[in-house]
Amino acid sequence: MYGENVRPNTPTPSTPALGTLLVDTSRADRVGEFRGVAGPYWSLRPVGGGAEWKVEPRHVRPAVLIEQLRARTARLNARSRGEVL
């Protein structure tokens, strides 16, 4: 039959290593650390801790260097203000 063995045009992203910084494009480009796979979703959490959230892998891309730097700087600033450990 037509299209029976055709692969979809969107490739399935490979699972990143734990702790990899990723950008969730479905949430205003929120940066998070990859924490694992939960069914069809990937679990991310804010850099340095906080509540995890789930996102479809198609809405995730690797964080570029400047995004990684901003996320880590925000974490260090929050720690210096005593907001996080």
PDB file of N, CA and C in Angstrom:
ATOM      1  N   MET A   1       0.827  -1.182   0.000  1.00  0.00           N
ATOM      2  CA  MET A   1       0.000   0.000   0.000  1.00  0.00           C
ATOM      3  C   MET A   1       0.872   1.247   0.000  1.00  0.00           C
ATOM      4  N   TYR A   2       0.299   2.324  -0.463  1.00  0.00           N
ATOM      5  CA  TYR A   2       1.036   3.573  -0.569  1.00  0.00           C
ATOM      6  C   TYR A   2       1.419   4.111   0.812  1.00  0.00           C
ATOM      7  N   GLY A   3       2.700   4.428   1.007  1.00  0.00           N
ATOM      8  CA  GLY A   3       3.175   5.026   2.241  1.00  0.00           C
ATOM      9  C   GLY A   3       3.304   4.080   3.411  1.00  0.00           C
ATOM     10  N   GLU A   4       3.145   2.800   3.159  1.00  0.00           N
ATOM     11  CA  GLU A   4       3.138   1.828   4.255  1.00  0.00           C
ATOM     12  C   GLU A   4       4.463   1.775   5.006  1.00  0.00           C
ATOM     13  N   ASN A   5       5.572   1.821   4.317  1.00  0.00           N
ATOM     14  CA  ASN A   5       6.878   1.715   4.948  1.00  0.00           C
ATOM     15  C   ASN A   5       7.687   3.005   4.855  1.00  0.00           C
ATOM     16  N   VAL A   6       6.997   4.098   4.717  1.00  0.00           N
ATOM     17  CA  VAL A   6       7.665   5.384   4.580  1.00  0.00           C
ATOM     18  C   VAL A   6       7.925   5.962   5.969  1.00  0.00           C
ATOM     19  N   ARG A   7       9.149   6.450   6.164  1.00  0.00           N
ATOM     20  CA  ARG A   7       9.491   7.090   7.432  1.00  0.00           C
ATOM     21  C   ARG A   7       8.966   8.509   7.442  1.00  0.00           C
ATOM     22  N   PRO A   8       8.581   9.027   8.615  1.00  0.00           N
ATOM     23  CA  PRO A   8       8.113  10.418   8.662  1.00  0.00           C
ATOM     24  C   PRO A   8       9.245  11.381   8.345  1.00  0.00           C
ATOM     25  N   ASN A   9       8.890  12.589   7.926  1.00  0.00           N
ATOM     26  CA  ASN A   9       9.885  13.592   7.571  1.00  0.00           C
ATOM     27  C   ASN A   9      10.608  14.175   8.772  1.00  0.00           C
ATOM     28  N   THR A  10      10.006  14.065   9.960  1.00  0.00           N
ATOM     29  CA  THR A  10      10.631  14.613  11.153  1.00  0.00           C
ATOM     30  C   THR A  10      11.448  13.532  11.842  1.00  0.00           C
ATOM     31  N   PRO A  11      12.758  13.720  11.941  1.00  0.00           N
ATOM     32  CA  PRO A  11      13.582  12.707  12.585  1.00  0.00           C
ATOM     33  C   PRO A  11      13.343  12.675  14.091  1.00  0.00           C
ATOM     34  N   THR A  12      13.490  11.504  14.684  1.00  0.00           N
ATOM     35  CA  THR A  12      13.379  11.375  16.129  1.00  0.00           C
ATOM     36  C   THR A  12      14.707  11.782  16.740  1.00  0.00           C
ATOM     37  N   PRO A  13      14.692  12.779  17.628  1.00  0.00           N
ATOM     38  CA  PRO A  13      15.960  13.203  18.225  1.00  0.00           C
ATOM     39  C   PRO A  13      16.525  12.107  19.121  1.00  0.00           C
ATOM     40  N   SER A  14      17.839  11.989  19.128  1.00  0.00           N
ATOM     41  CA  SER A  14      18.452  10.999  20.004  1.00  0.00           C
ATOM     42  C   SER A  14      18.433  11.524  21.429  1.00  0.00           C
ATOM     43  N   THR A  15      18.407  10.611  22.373  1.00  0.00           N
ATOM     44  CA  THR A  15      18.342  10.978  23.782  1.00  0.00           C
ATOM     45  C   THR A  15      19.670  11.580  24.215  1.00  0.00           C
ATOM     46  N   PRO A  16      19.650  12.790  24.786  1.00  0.00           N
ATOM     47  CA  PRO A  16      20.901  13.429  25.227  1.00  0.00           C
ATOM     48  C   PRO A  16      21.406  12.816  26.533  1.00  0.00           C
ATOM     49  N   ALA A  17      22.633  13.141  26.882  1.00  0.00           N
ATOM     50  CA  ALA A  17      23.216  12.693  28.145  1.00  0.00           C
ATOM     51  C   ALA A  17      22.556  13.444  29.303  1.00  0.00           C
ATOM     52  N   LEU A  18      22.490  12.805  30.464  1.00  0.00           N
ATOM     53  CA  LEU A  18      21.944  13.461  31.654  1.00  0.00           C
ATOM     54  C   LEU A  18      22.704  14.742  31.938  1.00  0.00           C
ATOM     55  N   GLY A  19      21.977  15.793  32.289  1.00  0.00           N
ATOM     56  CA  GLY A  19      22.595  17.067  32.609  1.00  0.00           C
ATOM     57  C   GLY A  19      22.829  17.983  31.426  1.00  0.00           C
ATOM     58  N   THR A  20      22.580  17.499  30.212  1.00  0.00           N
ATOM     59  CA  THR A  20      22.754  18.338  29.022  1.00  0.00           C
ATOM     60  C   THR A  20      21.773  19.499  29.077  1.00  0.00           C
ATOM     61  N   LEU A  21      22.255  20.690  28.772  1.00  0.00           N
ATOM     62  CA  LEU A  21      21.380  21.860  28.760  1.00  0.00           C
ATOM     63  C   LEU A  21      20.628  21.930  27.435  1.00  0.00           C
ATOM     64  N   LEU A  22      19.294  22.018  27.546  1.00  0.00           N
ATOM     65  CA  LEU A  22      18.419  22.051  26.385  1.00  0.00           C
ATOM     66  C   LEU A  22      17.475  23.235  26.489  1.00  0.00           C
ATOM     67  N   VAL A  23      16.929  23.631  25.354  1.00  0.00           N
ATOM     68  CA  VAL A  23      15.971  24.730  25.301  1.00  0.00           C
ATOM     69  C   VAL A  23      14.607  24.162  24.939  1.00  0.00           C
ATOM     70  N   ASP A  24      13.619  24.467  25.758  1.00  0.00           N
ATOM     71  CA  ASP A  24      12.236  24.075  25.513  1.00  0.00           C
ATOM     72  C   ASP A  24      11.575  25.199  24.718  1.00  0.00           C
ATOM     73  N   THR A  25      11.406  24.994  23.426  1.00  0.00           N
ATOM     74  CA  THR A  25      10.852  26.033  22.556  1.00  0.00           C
ATOM     75  C   THR A  25       9.352  26.215  22.745  1.00  0.00           C
ATOM     76  N   SER A  26       8.684  25.280  23.420  1.00  0.00           N
ATOM     77  CA  SER A  26       7.252  25.423  23.668  1.00  0.00           C
ATOM     78  C   SER A  26       6.979  26.292  24.884  1.00  0.00           C
ATOM     79  N   ARG A  27       8.017  26.633  25.639  1.00  0.00           N
ATOM     80  CA  ARG A  27       7.863  27.463  26.845  1.00  0.00           C
ATOM     81  C   ARG A  27       8.784  28.679  26.775  1.00  0.00           C
ATOM     82  N   ALA A  28       8.620  29.457  25.743  1.00  0.00           N
ATOM     83  CA  ALA A  28       9.366  30.712  25.590  1.00  0.00           C
ATOM     84  C   ALA A  28      10.869  30.510  25.728  1.00  0.00           C
ATOM     85  N   ASP A  29      11.372  29.464  25.097  1.00  0.00           N
ATOM     86  CA  ASP A  29      12.810  29.175  25.082  1.00  0.00           C
ATOM     87  C   ASP A  29      13.402  29.032  26.482  1.00  0.00           C
ATOM     88  N   ARG A  30      12.701  28.328  27.339  1.00  0.00           N
ATOM     89  CA  ARG A  30      13.166  28.055  28.707  1.00  0.00           C
ATOM     90  C   ARG A  30      14.299  27.029  28.661  1.00  0.00           C
ATOM     91  N   VAL A  31      15.388  27.303  29.373  1.00  0.00           N
ATOM     92  CA  VAL A  31      16.543  26.411  29.404  1.00  0.00           C
ATOM     93  C   VAL A  31      16.420  25.471  30.596  1.00  0.00           C
ATOM     94  N   GLY A  32      16.704  24.205  30.365  1.00  0.00           N
ATOM     95  CA  GLY A  32      16.657  23.223  31.442  1.00  0.00           C
ATOM     96  C   GLY A  32      17.677  22.122  31.241  1.00  0.00           C
ATOM     97  N   GLU A  33      17.964  21.406  32.331  1.00  0.00           N
ATOM     98  CA  GLU A  33      18.866  20.254  32.288  1.00  0.00           C
ATOM     99  C   GLU A  33      18.057  19.017  31.955  1.00  0.00           C
ATOM    100  N   PHE A  34      18.573  18.193  31.071  1.00  0.00           N
ATOM    101  CA  PHE A  34      17.909  16.933  30.739  1.00  0.00           C
ATOM    102  C   PHE A  34      18.021  15.996  31.929  1.00  0.00           C
ATOM    103  N   ARG A  35      16.871  15.434  32.385  1.00  0.00           N
ATOM    104  CA  ARG A  35      16.851  14.556  33.548  1.00  0.00           C
ATOM    105  C   ARG A  35      16.465  13.127  33.208  1.00  0.00           C
ATOM    106  N   GLY A  36      15.882  12.894  32.045  1.00  0.00           N
ATOM    107  CA  GLY A  36      15.514  11.535  31.673  1.00  0.00           C
ATOM    108  C   GLY A  36      14.298  11.498  30.772  1.00  0.00           C
ATOM    109  N   VAL A  37      13.880  10.271  30.478  1.00  0.00           N
ATOM    110  CA  VAL A  37      12.734  10.033  29.601  1.00  0.00           C
ATOM    111  C   VAL A  37      11.575   9.533  30.455  1.00  0.00           C
ATOM    112  N   ALA A  38      10.401  10.098  30.232  1.00  0.00           N
ATOM    113  CA  ALA A  38       9.184   9.683  30.928  1.00  0.00           C
ATOM    114  C   ALA A  38       8.115   9.409  29.881  1.00  0.00           C
ATOM    115  N   GLY A  39       8.033   8.174  29.437  1.00  0.00           N
ATOM    116  CA  GLY A  39       7.098   7.823  28.370  1.00  0.00           C
ATOM    117  C   GLY A  39       7.509   8.513  27.090  1.00  0.00           C
ATOM    118  N   PRO A  40       6.576   9.230  26.448  1.00  0.00           N
ATOM    119  CA  PRO A  40       6.923   9.929  25.204  1.00  0.00           C
ATOM    120  C   PRO A  40       7.556  11.303  25.451  1.00  0.00           C
ATOM    121  N   TYR A  41       7.746  11.680  26.704  1.00  0.00           N
ATOM    122  CA  TYR A  41       8.251  13.007  27.042  1.00  0.00           C
ATOM    123  C   TYR A  41       9.672  12.947  27.587  1.00  0.00           C
ATOM    124  N   TRP A  42      10.339  14.086  27.536  1.00  0.00           N
ATOM    125  CA  TRP A  42      11.631  14.256  28.185  1.00  0.00           C
ATOM    126  C   TRP A  42      11.407  15.116  29.417  1.00  0.00           C
ATOM    127  N   SER A  43      12.097  14.798  30.494  1.00  0.00           N
ATOM    128  CA  SER A  43      12.017  15.587  31.716  1.00  0.00           C
ATOM    129  C   SER A  43      13.172  16.572  31.758  1.00  0.00           C
ATOM    130  N   LEU A  44      12.843  17.828  32.001  1.00  0.00           N
ATOM    131  CA  LEU A  44      13.841  18.879  32.155  1.00  0.00           C
ATOM    132  C   LEU A  44      13.623  19.534  33.504  1.00  0.00           C
ATOM    133  N   ARG A  45      14.666  20.133  34.046  1.00  0.00           N
ATOM    134  CA  ARG A  45      14.518  20.921  35.268  1.00  0.00           C
ATOM    135  C   ARG A  45      15.365  22.168  35.138  1.00  0.00           C
ATOM    136  N   PRO A  46      15.030  23.205  35.884  1.00  0.00           N
ATOM    137  CA  PRO A  46      15.821  24.429  35.816  1.00  0.00           C
ATOM    138  C   PRO A  46      17.277  24.156  36.201  1.00  0.00           C
ATOM    139  N   VAL A  47      18.173  24.932  35.662  1.00  0.00           N
ATOM    140  CA  VAL A  47      19.594  24.777  35.969  1.00  0.00           C
ATOM    141  C   VAL A  47      19.792  24.999  37.463  1.00  0.00           C
ATOM    142  N   GLY A  48      20.404  24.044  38.118  1.00  0.00           N
ATOM    143  CA  GLY A  48      20.663  24.158  39.548  1.00  0.00           C
ATOM    144  C   GLY A  48      19.553  23.639  40.436  1.00  0.00           C
ATOM    145  N   GLY A  49      18.487  23.121  39.877  1.00  0.00           N
ATOM    146  CA  GLY A  49      17.427  22.544  40.689  1.00  0.00           C
ATOM    147  C   GLY A  49      16.095  23.233  40.498  1.00  0.00           C
ATOM    148  N   GLY A  50      15.094  22.624  41.074  1.00  0.00           N
ATOM    149  CA  GLY A  50      13.745  23.156  40.949  1.00  0.00           C
ATOM    150  C   GLY A  50      12.806  22.095  40.422  1.00  0.00           C
ATOM    151  N   ALA A  51      11.580  22.486  40.204  1.00  0.00           N
ATOM    152  CA  ALA A  51      10.556  21.554  39.743  1.00  0.00           C
ATOM    153  C   ALA A  51      10.794  21.149  38.287  1.00  0.00           C
ATOM    154  N   GLU A  52      10.775  19.846  38.059  1.00  0.00           N
ATOM    155  CA  GLU A  52      10.932  19.335  36.691  1.00  0.00           C
ATOM    156  C   GLU A  52       9.662  19.590  35.900  1.00  0.00           C
ATOM    157  N   TRP A  53       9.821  19.626  34.585  1.00  0.00           N
ATOM    158  CA  TRP A  53       8.669  19.687  33.694  1.00  0.00           C
ATOM    159  C   TRP A  53       8.911  18.730  32.544  1.00  0.00           C
ATOM    160  N   LYS A  54       7.828  18.348  31.899  1.00  0.00           N
ATOM    161  CA  LYS A  54       7.911  17.407  30.782  1.00  0.00           C
ATOM    162  C   LYS A  54       7.667  18.156  29.479  1.00  0.00           C
ATOM    163  N   VAL A  55       8.349  17.696  28.440  1.00  0.00           N
ATOM    164  CA  VAL A  55       8.233  18.336  27.137  1.00  0.00           C
ATOM    165  C   VAL A  55       8.376  17.268  26.056  1.00  0.00           C
ATOM    166  N   GLU A  56       7.680  17.470  24.966  1.00  0.00           N
ATOM    167  CA  GLU A  56       7.830  16.572  23.826  1.00  0.00           C
ATOM    168  C   GLU A  56       9.200  16.818  23.193  1.00  0.00           C
ATOM    169  N   PRO A  57       9.917  15.759  22.843  1.00  0.00           N
ATOM    170  CA  PRO A  57      11.251  15.931  22.259  1.00  0.00           C
ATOM    171  C   PRO A  57      11.283  16.817  21.023  1.00  0.00           C
ATOM    172  N   ARG A  58      10.189  16.907  20.286  1.00  0.00           N
ATOM    173  CA  ARG A  58      10.183  17.743  19.075  1.00  0.00           C
ATOM    174  C   ARG A  58      10.244  19.231  19.413  1.00  0.00           C
ATOM    175  N   HIS A  59       9.979  19.587  20.677  1.00  0.00           N
ATOM    176  CA  HIS A  59      10.028  20.988  21.105  1.00  0.00           C
ATOM    177  C   HIS A  59      11.340  21.331  21.816  1.00  0.00           C
ATOM    178  N   VAL A  60      12.338  20.481  21.677  1.00  0.00           N
ATOM    179  CA  VAL A  60      13.600  20.680  22.392  1.00  0.00           C
ATOM    180  C   VAL A  60      14.739  20.796  21.397  1.00  0.00           C
ATOM    181  N   ARG A  61      15.663  21.698  21.717  1.00  0.00           N
ATOM    182  CA  ARG A  61      16.885  21.823  20.929  1.00  0.00           C
ATOM    183  C   ARG A  61      18.036  22.050  21.894  1.00  0.00           C
ATOM    184  N   PRO A  62      19.257  21.743  21.461  1.00  0.00           N
ATOM    185  CA  PRO A  62      20.413  21.987  22.332  1.00  0.00           C
ATOM    186  C   PRO A  62      20.585  23.486  22.602  1.00  0.00           C
ATOM    187  N   ALA A  63      20.983  23.811  23.810  1.00  0.00           N
ATOM    188  CA  ALA A  63      21.243  25.206  24.165  1.00  0.00           C
ATOM    189  C   ALA A  63      22.576  25.633  23.554  1.00  0.00           C
ATOM    190  N   VAL A  64      22.580  26.804  22.924  1.00  0.00           N
ATOM    191  CA  VAL A  64      23.835  27.337  22.396  1.00  0.00           C
ATOM    192  C   VAL A  64      24.630  27.922  23.565  1.00  0.00           C
ATOM    193  N   LEU A  65      25.882  28.214  23.322  1.00  0.00           N
ATOM    194  CA  LEU A  65      26.786  28.635  24.387  1.00  0.00           C
ATOM    195  C   LEU A  65      26.266  29.829  25.186  1.00  0.00           C
ATOM    196  N   ILE A  66      25.734  30.847  24.524  1.00  0.00           N
ATOM    197  CA  ILE A  66      25.263  32.033  25.239  1.00  0.00           C
ATOM    198  C   ILE A  66      24.071  31.686  26.135  1.00  0.00           C
ATOM    199  N   GLU A  67      23.203  30.771  25.696  1.00  0.00           N
ATOM    200  CA  GLU A  67      22.065  30.353  26.520  1.00  0.00           C
ATOM    201  C   GLU A  67      22.545  29.563  27.735  1.00  0.00           C
ATOM    202  N   GLN A  68      23.562  28.742  27.559  1.00  0.00           N
ATOM    203  CA  GLN A  68      24.139  28.003  28.677  1.00  0.00           C
ATOM    204  C   GLN A  68      24.729  28.973  29.698  1.00  0.00           C
ATOM    205  N   LEU A  69      25.456  29.965  29.206  1.00  0.00           N
ATOM    206  CA  LEU A  69      26.083  30.956  30.080  1.00  0.00           C
ATOM    207  C   LEU A  69      25.036  31.748  30.861  1.00  0.00           C
ATOM    208  N   ARG A  70      23.975  32.178  30.194  1.00  0.00           N
ATOM    209  CA  ARG A  70      22.913  32.931  30.871  1.00  0.00           C
ATOM    210  C   ARG A  70      22.254  32.103  31.968  1.00  0.00           C
ATOM    211  N   ALA A  71      21.964  30.841  31.673  1.00  0.00           N
ATOM    212  CA  ALA A  71      21.312  29.978  32.660  1.00  0.00           C
ATOM    213  C   ALA A  71      22.210  29.750  33.872  1.00  0.00           C
ATOM    214  N   ARG A  72      23.472  29.508  33.632  1.00  0.00           N
ATOM    215  CA  ARG A  72      24.395  29.268  34.752  1.00  0.00           C
ATOM    216  C   ARG A  72      24.637  30.551  35.552  1.00  0.00           C
ATOM    217  N   THR A  73      24.709  31.691  34.884  1.00  0.00           N
ATOM    218  CA  THR A  73      24.893  32.966  35.576  1.00  0.00           C
ATOM    219  C   THR A  73      23.673  33.283  36.438  1.00  0.00           C
ATOM    220  N   ALA A  74      22.474  33.045  35.919  1.00  0.00           N
ATOM    221  CA  ALA A  74      21.256  33.280  36.689  1.00  0.00           C
ATOM    222  C   ALA A  74      21.245  32.397  37.934  1.00  0.00           C
ATOM    223  N   ARG A  75      21.697  31.168  37.813  1.00  0.00           N
ATOM    224  CA  ARG A  75      21.766  30.248  38.958  1.00  0.00           C
ATOM    225  C   ARG A  75      22.748  30.764  40.001  1.00  0.00           C
ATOM    226  N   LEU A  76      23.912  31.196  39.577  1.00  0.00           N
ATOM    227  CA  LEU A  76      24.909  31.716  40.518  1.00  0.00           C
ATOM    228  C   LEU A  76      24.426  32.996  41.195  1.00  0.00           C
ATOM    229  N   ASN A  77      23.749  33.861  40.460  1.00  0.00           N
ATOM    230  CA  ASN A  77      23.208  35.081  41.049  1.00  0.00           C
ATOM    231  C   ASN A  77      22.146  34.763  42.102  1.00  0.00           C
ATOM    232  N   ALA A  78      21.270  33.803  41.808  1.00  0.00           N
ATOM    233  CA  ALA A  78      20.243  33.405  42.770  1.00  0.00           C
ATOM    234  C   ALA A  78      20.884  32.817  44.027  1.00  0.00           C
ATOM    235  N   ARG A  79      21.946  32.038  43.839  1.00  0.00           N
ATOM    236  CA  ARG A  79      22.641  31.461  44.988  1.00  0.00           C
ATOM    237  C   ARG A  79      23.290  32.544  45.839  1.00  0.00           C
ATOM    238  N   SER A  80      23.855  33.560  45.201  1.00  0.00           N
ATOM    239  CA  SER A  80      24.501  34.636  45.954  1.00  0.00           C
ATOM    240  C   SER A  80      23.488  35.469  46.747  1.00  0.00           C
ATOM    241  N   ARG A  81      22.225  35.503  46.281  1.00  0.00           N
ATOM    242  CA  ARG A  81      21.172  36.214  46.998  1.00  0.00           C
ATOM    243  C   ARG A  81      20.516  35.335  48.060  1.00  0.00           C
ATOM    244  N   GLY A  82      20.928  34.058  48.143  1.00  0.00           N
ATOM    245  CA  GLY A  82      20.371  33.140  49.131  1.00  0.00           C
ATOM    246  C   GLY A  82      19.048  32.523  48.724  1.00  0.00           C
ATOM    247  N   GLU A  83      18.683  32.623  47.457  1.00  0.00           N
ATOM    248  CA  GLU A  83      17.407  32.083  46.991  1.00  0.00           C
ATOM    249  C   GLU A  83      17.460  30.576  46.768  1.00  0.00           C
ATOM    250  N   VAL A  84      18.629  30.042  46.465  1.00  0.00           N
ATOM    251  CA  VAL A  84      18.825  28.608  46.269  1.00  0.00           C
ATOM    252  C   VAL A  84      20.124  28.196  46.960  1.00  0.00           C
ATOM    253  N   LEU A  85      20.241  26.925  47.202  1.00  0.00           N
ATOM    254  CA  LEU A  85      21.481  26.433  47.838  1.00  0.00           C
ATOM    255  C   LEU A  85      22.565  26.192  46.843  1.00  0.00           C
TER     256      LEU A  85
END
